[in-house]
Structure formats: structure tokens, C-alpha cells
Amino acid sequence: MAYRKTEKVLANLEARRNSILASAIDVIARSGMDGLTTDAVAARAGIAAGLMYKYFPDKTELVAAVFAKAPSGLTPLRLTHFHSKLC
């Protein structure tokens, strides 16, 4: 029998993904885009750096997800304000 993800598992995966996104936003708000590293985001999220690749295949995908979640016209300088609304 094939394993099917339950609603609880899917909810946990989505919560982890959102936690990683919030951590990325926090890292960008504090350190700018130059400070955005997988190690920094993983440390902020409290996960192993390798686990991030389960949710985002590379840094480009992570950055795209951050800006897709953000309101239009968001720049790294305005990210601090956006971050305060999320957390």
C-alpha cells in the first residue's frame, strides 16, 4: 500500500515551509540580501540546513517565495516593515 500524506502531515509541512519563509524574511530584514544564506535561515528556523532543500531546491526558489508572499512593490529596504506585520 502506498503512503498517502494525511491532512495533519500536509499541515505540518505547510507550517514548516511558512516558518522557513518567515525566517528568511527575518534574516533579510536584519542582514539584507547579502546576509541571506541557507545556514542563516536554517539557524533562524531551528532546522538543519539540508532540510531546507526539501522545501526550496535552491536559494533562488527561496527568494522567489519570499517576494511572492510579500505585497507588490516590496523592496529589501521595506522588508523590515513587512516582517513586523508577519511576526
C-alpha atoms as a PDB file:
ATOM      1  CA  MET A   1       0.000   0.000   0.000  1.00  0.00           C
ATOM      2  CA  ALA A   2       1.349   3.397  -0.984  1.00  0.00           C
ATOM      3  CA  TYR A   3       1.840   6.029   1.678  1.00  0.00           C
ATOM      4  CA  ARG A   4      -0.512   8.983   1.389  1.00  0.00           C
ATOM      5  CA  LYS A   5       0.119  12.138   3.342  1.00  0.00           C
ATOM      6  CA  THR A   6      -2.614  12.842   5.853  1.00  0.00           C
ATOM      7  CA  GLU A   7      -4.111  16.284   6.402  1.00  0.00           C
ATOM      8  CA  LYS A   8      -2.070  16.589   9.591  1.00  0.00           C
ATOM      9  CA  VAL A   9       1.182  15.791   7.753  1.00  0.00           C
ATOM     10  CA  LEU A  10       0.330  18.275   4.995  1.00  0.00           C
ATOM     11  CA  ALA A  11      -0.482  20.933   7.599  1.00  0.00           C
ATOM     12  CA  ASN A  12       2.853  20.295   9.333  1.00  0.00           C
ATOM     13  CA  LEU A  13       4.731  20.562   6.032  1.00  0.00           C
ATOM     14  CA  GLU A  14       2.980  23.856   5.249  1.00  0.00           C
ATOM     15  CA  ALA A  15       3.725  25.182   8.742  1.00  0.00           C
ATOM     16  CA  ARG A  16       7.415  24.283   8.352  1.00  0.00           C
ATOM     17  CA  ARG A  17       7.532  25.963   4.931  1.00  0.00           C
ATOM     18  CA  ASN A  18       5.945  29.101   6.378  1.00  0.00           C
ATOM     19  CA  SER A  19       8.428  29.038   9.250  1.00  0.00           C
ATOM     20  CA  ILE A  20      11.306  28.899   6.780  1.00  0.00           C
ATOM     21  CA  LEU A  21       9.807  31.805   4.812  1.00  0.00           C
ATOM     22  CA  ALA A  22       9.357  33.872   7.973  1.00  0.00           C
ATOM     23  CA  SER A  23      12.939  33.086   8.962  1.00  0.00           C
ATOM     24  CA  ALA A  24      14.187  34.166   5.532  1.00  0.00           C
ATOM     25  CA  ILE A  25      12.252  37.419   5.841  1.00  0.00           C
ATOM     26  CA  ASP A  26      13.759  37.972   9.280  1.00  0.00           C
ATOM     27  CA  VAL A  27      17.290  37.329   8.003  1.00  0.00           C
ATOM     28  CA  ILE A  28      16.786  39.739   5.085  1.00  0.00           C
ATOM     29  CA  ALA A  29      15.301  42.384   7.389  1.00  0.00           C
ATOM     30  CA  ARG A  30      18.241  42.123   9.783  1.00  0.00           C
ATOM     31  CA  SER A  31      21.158  41.481   7.411  1.00  0.00           C
ATOM     32  CA  GLY A  32      19.991  42.449   3.938  1.00  0.00           C
ATOM     33  CA  MET A  33      20.113  40.257   0.868  1.00  0.00           C
ATOM     34  CA  ASP A  34      23.869  39.808   1.291  1.00  0.00           C
ATOM     35  CA  GLY A  35      23.242  38.154   4.652  1.00  0.00           C
ATOM     36  CA  LEU A  36      20.700  35.702   3.255  1.00  0.00           C
ATOM     37  CA  THR A  37      22.375  32.312   3.405  1.00  0.00           C
ATOM     38  CA  THR A  38      20.844  28.894   3.797  1.00  0.00           C
ATOM     39  CA  ASP A  39      22.811  28.462   7.022  1.00  0.00           C
ATOM     40  CA  ALA A  40      21.446  31.728   8.453  1.00  0.00           C
ATOM     41  CA  VAL A  41      17.857  30.904   7.524  1.00  0.00           C
ATOM     42  CA  ALA A  42      18.146  27.342   8.834  1.00  0.00           C
ATOM     43  CA  ALA A  43      19.620  28.551  12.124  1.00  0.00           C
ATOM     44  CA  ARG A  44      16.817  31.112  12.498  1.00  0.00           C
ATOM     45  CA  ALA A  45      14.187  28.447  11.695  1.00  0.00           C
ATOM     46  CA  GLY A  46      15.795  25.949  14.072  1.00  0.00           C
ATOM     47  CA  ILE A  47      16.304  23.287  11.406  1.00  0.00           C
ATOM     48  CA  ALA A  48      19.233  21.626   9.672  1.00  0.00           C
ATOM     49  CA  ALA A  49      20.421  23.452   6.565  1.00  0.00           C
ATOM     50  CA  GLY A  50      19.904  20.343   4.457  1.00  0.00           C
ATOM     51  CA  LEU A  51      16.220  20.175   5.403  1.00  0.00           C
ATOM     52  CA  MET A  52      15.628  23.499   3.660  1.00  0.00           C
ATOM     53  CA  TYR A  53      16.246  21.802   0.323  1.00  0.00           C
ATOM     54  CA  LYS A  54      13.165  19.628   0.884  1.00  0.00           C
ATOM     55  CA  TYR A  55      11.087  22.812   0.755  1.00  0.00           C
ATOM     56  CA  PHE A  56      13.171  25.037  -1.531  1.00  0.00           C
ATOM     57  CA  PRO A  57      15.531  23.396  -4.059  1.00  0.00           C
ATOM     58  CA  ASP A  58      17.866  26.395  -4.077  1.00  0.00           C
ATOM     59  CA  LYS A  59      18.281  29.939  -2.802  1.00  0.00           C
ATOM     60  CA  THR A  60      16.596  31.371  -5.898  1.00  0.00           C
ATOM     61  CA  GLU A  61      13.414  29.442  -5.116  1.00  0.00           C
ATOM     62  CA  LEU A  62      13.509  30.681  -1.525  1.00  0.00           C
ATOM     63  CA  VAL A  63      13.899  34.316  -2.566  1.00  0.00           C
ATOM     64  CA  ALA A  64      11.136  33.936  -5.159  1.00  0.00           C
ATOM     65  CA  ALA A  65       8.817  32.518  -2.488  1.00  0.00           C
ATOM     66  CA  VAL A  66       9.644  35.376  -0.101  1.00  0.00           C
ATOM     67  CA  PHE A  67       8.791  38.010  -2.682  1.00  0.00           C
ATOM     68  CA  ALA A  68       5.746  36.074  -3.935  1.00  0.00           C
ATOM     69  CA  LYS A  69       4.360  36.129  -0.401  1.00  0.00           C
ATOM     70  CA  ALA A  70       5.155  39.807   0.046  1.00  0.00           C
ATOM     71  CA  PRO A  71       2.952  42.633  -1.209  1.00  0.00           C
ATOM     72  CA  SER A  72       3.751  44.062  -4.635  1.00  0.00           C
ATOM     73  CA  GLY A  73       6.393  46.764  -4.743  1.00  0.00           C
ATOM     74  CA  LEU A  74       8.265  45.323  -1.786  1.00  0.00           C
ATOM     75  CA  THR A  75      11.959  46.093  -1.756  1.00  0.00           C
ATOM     76  CA  PRO A  76      14.566  44.772   0.671  1.00  0.00           C
ATOM     77  CA  LEU A  77      14.504  48.161   2.425  1.00  0.00           C
ATOM     78  CA  ARG A  78      10.747  47.904   3.010  1.00  0.00           C
ATOM     79  CA  LEU A  79      11.010  44.265   4.065  1.00  0.00           C
ATOM     80  CA  THR A  80      11.560  45.239   7.698  1.00  0.00           C
ATOM     81  CA  HIS A  81       8.097  46.806   7.863  1.00  0.00           C
ATOM     82  CA  PHE A  82       6.540  43.785   6.137  1.00  0.00           C
ATOM     83  CA  HIS A  83       8.382  41.479   8.540  1.00  0.00           C
ATOM     84  CA  SER A  84       6.929  43.244  11.569  1.00  0.00           C
ATOM     85  CA  LYS A  85       3.407  42.616  10.229  1.00  0.00           C
ATOM     86  CA  LEU A  86       4.059  38.903   9.702  1.00  0.00           C
ATOM     87  CA  CYS A  87       5.622  38.102  13.055  1.00  0.00           C
END
